[in-house]
Amino acid sequence: MPVVSNISPLIWLSKVGKISLLKDLFIEVTVPQMVYKEAVENGVAGGFSDAIALVRR
């Protein structure tokens, strides 16, 4: 089943090292461009480790 993710699951699953659960549970995970920008681009620029972990996925 494909899903669309907002920022909360991305941040919290990344913080606890379980971001792979999204891949395990869903065939396709869509992250809207603005969510990606806030969670990843802004997070990496701010040096947040959970954002850096998202980039590796």
N, C-alpha and C. Protein backbone atom coordinates (compact mmCIF):
# COMPACT_ATOMS: atom_id res chain seq x y z
N MET A 1 0.84 -1.16 0.00
CA MET A 1 0.00 0.00 0.00
C MET A 1 0.89 1.24 0.00
N PRO A 2 0.69 2.17 -0.92
CA PRO A 2 1.46 3.43 -0.92
C PRO A 2 0.89 4.39 0.13
N VAL A 3 1.76 5.19 0.72
CA VAL A 3 1.35 6.19 1.71
C VAL A 3 2.08 7.49 1.47
N VAL A 4 1.54 8.56 2.05
CA VAL A 4 2.19 9.87 2.03
C VAL A 4 2.56 10.18 3.48
N SER A 5 3.80 10.58 3.70
CA SER A 5 4.27 10.85 5.06
C SER A 5 4.40 12.34 5.32
N ASN A 6 4.01 12.73 6.52
CA ASN A 6 4.30 14.09 6.95
C ASN A 6 5.62 14.05 7.72
N ILE A 7 5.98 15.15 8.33
CA ILE A 7 7.31 15.26 8.93
C ILE A 7 7.47 14.45 10.24
N SER A 8 6.41 14.33 11.01
CA SER A 8 6.53 13.69 12.33
C SER A 8 7.06 12.25 12.28
N PRO A 9 6.48 11.36 11.45
CA PRO A 9 7.02 10.00 11.41
C PRO A 9 8.48 9.96 10.95
N LEU A 10 8.82 10.82 10.02
CA LEU A 10 10.20 10.85 9.53
C LEU A 10 11.18 11.21 10.64
N ILE A 11 10.85 12.24 11.38
CA ILE A 11 11.74 12.69 12.45
C ILE A 11 11.82 11.67 13.57
N TRP A 12 10.66 11.23 14.07
CA TRP A 12 10.66 10.36 15.25
C TRP A 12 11.19 8.96 14.94
N LEU A 13 10.84 8.40 13.79
CA LEU A 13 11.40 7.10 13.45
C LEU A 13 12.91 7.19 13.24
N SER A 14 13.36 8.29 12.69
CA SER A 14 14.80 8.49 12.51
C SER A 14 15.51 8.62 13.86
N LYS A 15 14.89 9.35 14.79
CA LYS A 15 15.49 9.55 16.11
C LYS A 15 15.69 8.22 16.85
N VAL A 16 14.76 7.29 16.69
CA VAL A 16 14.86 6.01 17.40
C VAL A 16 15.50 4.91 16.55
N GLY A 17 16.02 5.30 15.38
CA GLY A 17 16.72 4.33 14.52
C GLY A 17 15.82 3.32 13.85
N LYS A 18 14.56 3.68 13.63
CA LYS A 18 13.60 2.74 13.03
C LYS A 18 12.96 3.26 11.74
N ILE A 19 13.65 4.13 11.04
CA ILE A 19 13.10 4.68 9.80
C ILE A 19 12.83 3.58 8.77
N SER A 20 13.54 2.48 8.88
CA SER A 20 13.35 1.37 7.94
C SER A 20 11.96 0.74 8.08
N LEU A 21 11.26 1.00 9.18
CA LEU A 21 9.90 0.48 9.33
C LEU A 21 8.99 0.96 8.21
N LEU A 22 9.21 2.17 7.73
CA LEU A 22 8.37 2.66 6.62
C LEU A 22 8.52 1.77 5.40
N LYS A 23 9.74 1.38 5.09
CA LYS A 23 9.98 0.49 3.94
C LYS A 23 9.40 -0.90 4.19
N ASP A 24 9.49 -1.35 5.44
CA ASP A 24 8.98 -2.68 5.79
C ASP A 24 7.46 -2.76 5.72
N LEU A 25 6.79 -1.68 6.06
CA LEU A 25 5.33 -1.69 6.15
C LEU A 25 4.61 -1.26 4.87
N PHE A 26 5.27 -0.46 4.04
CA PHE A 26 4.59 0.11 2.88
C PHE A 26 5.39 -0.12 1.61
N ILE A 27 4.67 -0.35 0.53
CA ILE A 27 5.30 -0.57 -0.78
C ILE A 27 5.99 0.71 -1.26
N GLU A 28 5.32 1.82 -1.05
CA GLU A 28 5.83 3.11 -1.53
C GLU A 28 5.54 4.18 -0.50
N VAL A 29 6.53 4.99 -0.17
CA VAL A 29 6.36 6.10 0.76
C VAL A 29 6.67 7.38 0.00
N THR A 30 5.68 8.24 -0.12
CA THR A 30 5.86 9.51 -0.79
C THR A 30 6.07 10.60 0.27
N VAL A 31 7.09 11.41 0.06
CA VAL A 31 7.37 12.53 0.95
C VAL A 31 7.22 13.80 0.11
N PRO A 32 6.21 14.61 0.42
CA PRO A 32 6.03 15.85 -0.34
C PRO A 32 7.27 16.73 -0.28
N GLN A 33 7.47 17.52 -1.31
CA GLN A 33 8.67 18.34 -1.44
C GLN A 33 8.87 19.27 -0.24
N MET A 34 7.83 19.89 0.26
CA MET A 34 7.98 20.80 1.39
C MET A 34 8.35 20.05 2.67
N VAL A 35 7.85 18.83 2.84
CA VAL A 35 8.21 18.01 3.99
C VAL A 35 9.68 17.64 3.89
N TYR A 36 10.12 17.23 2.71
CA TYR A 36 11.53 16.89 2.51
C TYR A 36 12.42 18.08 2.83
N LYS A 37 12.02 19.24 2.34
CA LYS A 37 12.83 20.45 2.58
C LYS A 37 12.94 20.73 4.08
N GLU A 38 11.84 20.64 4.80
CA GLU A 38 11.85 20.92 6.23
C GLU A 38 12.60 19.85 7.01
N ALA A 39 12.33 18.58 6.71
CA ALA A 39 12.92 17.48 7.48
C ALA A 39 14.38 17.24 7.14
N VAL A 40 14.71 17.30 5.87
CA VAL A 40 16.05 16.91 5.45
C VAL A 40 16.93 18.13 5.19
N GLU A 41 16.57 18.96 4.25
CA GLU A 41 17.44 20.08 3.87
C GLU A 41 17.68 21.03 5.04
N ASN A 42 16.62 21.47 5.69
CA ASN A 42 16.78 22.38 6.82
C ASN A 42 17.43 21.67 8.01
N GLY A 43 17.08 20.40 8.20
CA GLY A 43 17.66 19.64 9.31
C GLY A 43 19.15 19.40 9.15
N VAL A 44 19.58 19.06 7.94
CA VAL A 44 21.01 18.86 7.68
C VAL A 44 21.75 20.19 7.86
N ALA A 45 21.16 21.26 7.34
CA ALA A 45 21.80 22.58 7.48
C ALA A 45 21.93 22.96 8.96
N GLY A 46 20.98 22.50 9.78
CA GLY A 46 21.04 22.78 11.20
C GLY A 46 21.88 21.79 11.99
N GLY A 47 22.39 20.74 11.30
CA GLY A 47 23.25 19.77 11.95
C GLY A 47 22.52 18.73 12.79
N PHE A 48 21.23 18.53 12.55
CA PHE A 48 20.46 17.56 13.31
C PHE A 48 20.76 16.14 12.85
N SER A 49 21.13 15.27 13.78
CA SER A 49 21.53 13.91 13.44
C SER A 49 20.40 13.10 12.82
N ASP A 50 19.15 13.34 13.23
CA ASP A 50 18.04 12.60 12.64
C ASP A 50 17.85 12.97 11.18
N ALA A 51 18.11 14.21 10.80
CA ALA A 51 18.02 14.62 9.40
C ALA A 51 19.13 13.98 8.59
N ILE A 52 20.31 13.91 9.17
CA ILE A 52 21.44 13.29 8.47
C ILE A 52 21.15 11.81 8.25
N ALA A 53 20.52 11.15 9.20
CA ALA A 53 20.15 9.74 9.04
C ALA A 53 19.14 9.55 7.92
N LEU A 54 18.25 10.53 7.71
CA LEU A 54 17.26 10.45 6.64
C LEU A 54 17.94 10.51 5.27
N VAL A 55 18.99 11.27 5.16
CA VAL A 55 19.70 11.40 3.89
C VAL A 55 20.29 10.05 3.48
N ARG A 56 20.73 9.29 4.44
CA ARG A 56 21.34 7.98 4.17
C ARG A 56 20.32 6.98 3.66
N ARG A 57 19.03 7.23 3.83
CA ARG A 57 18.01 6.29 3.40
C ARG A 57 17.66 6.58 2.01
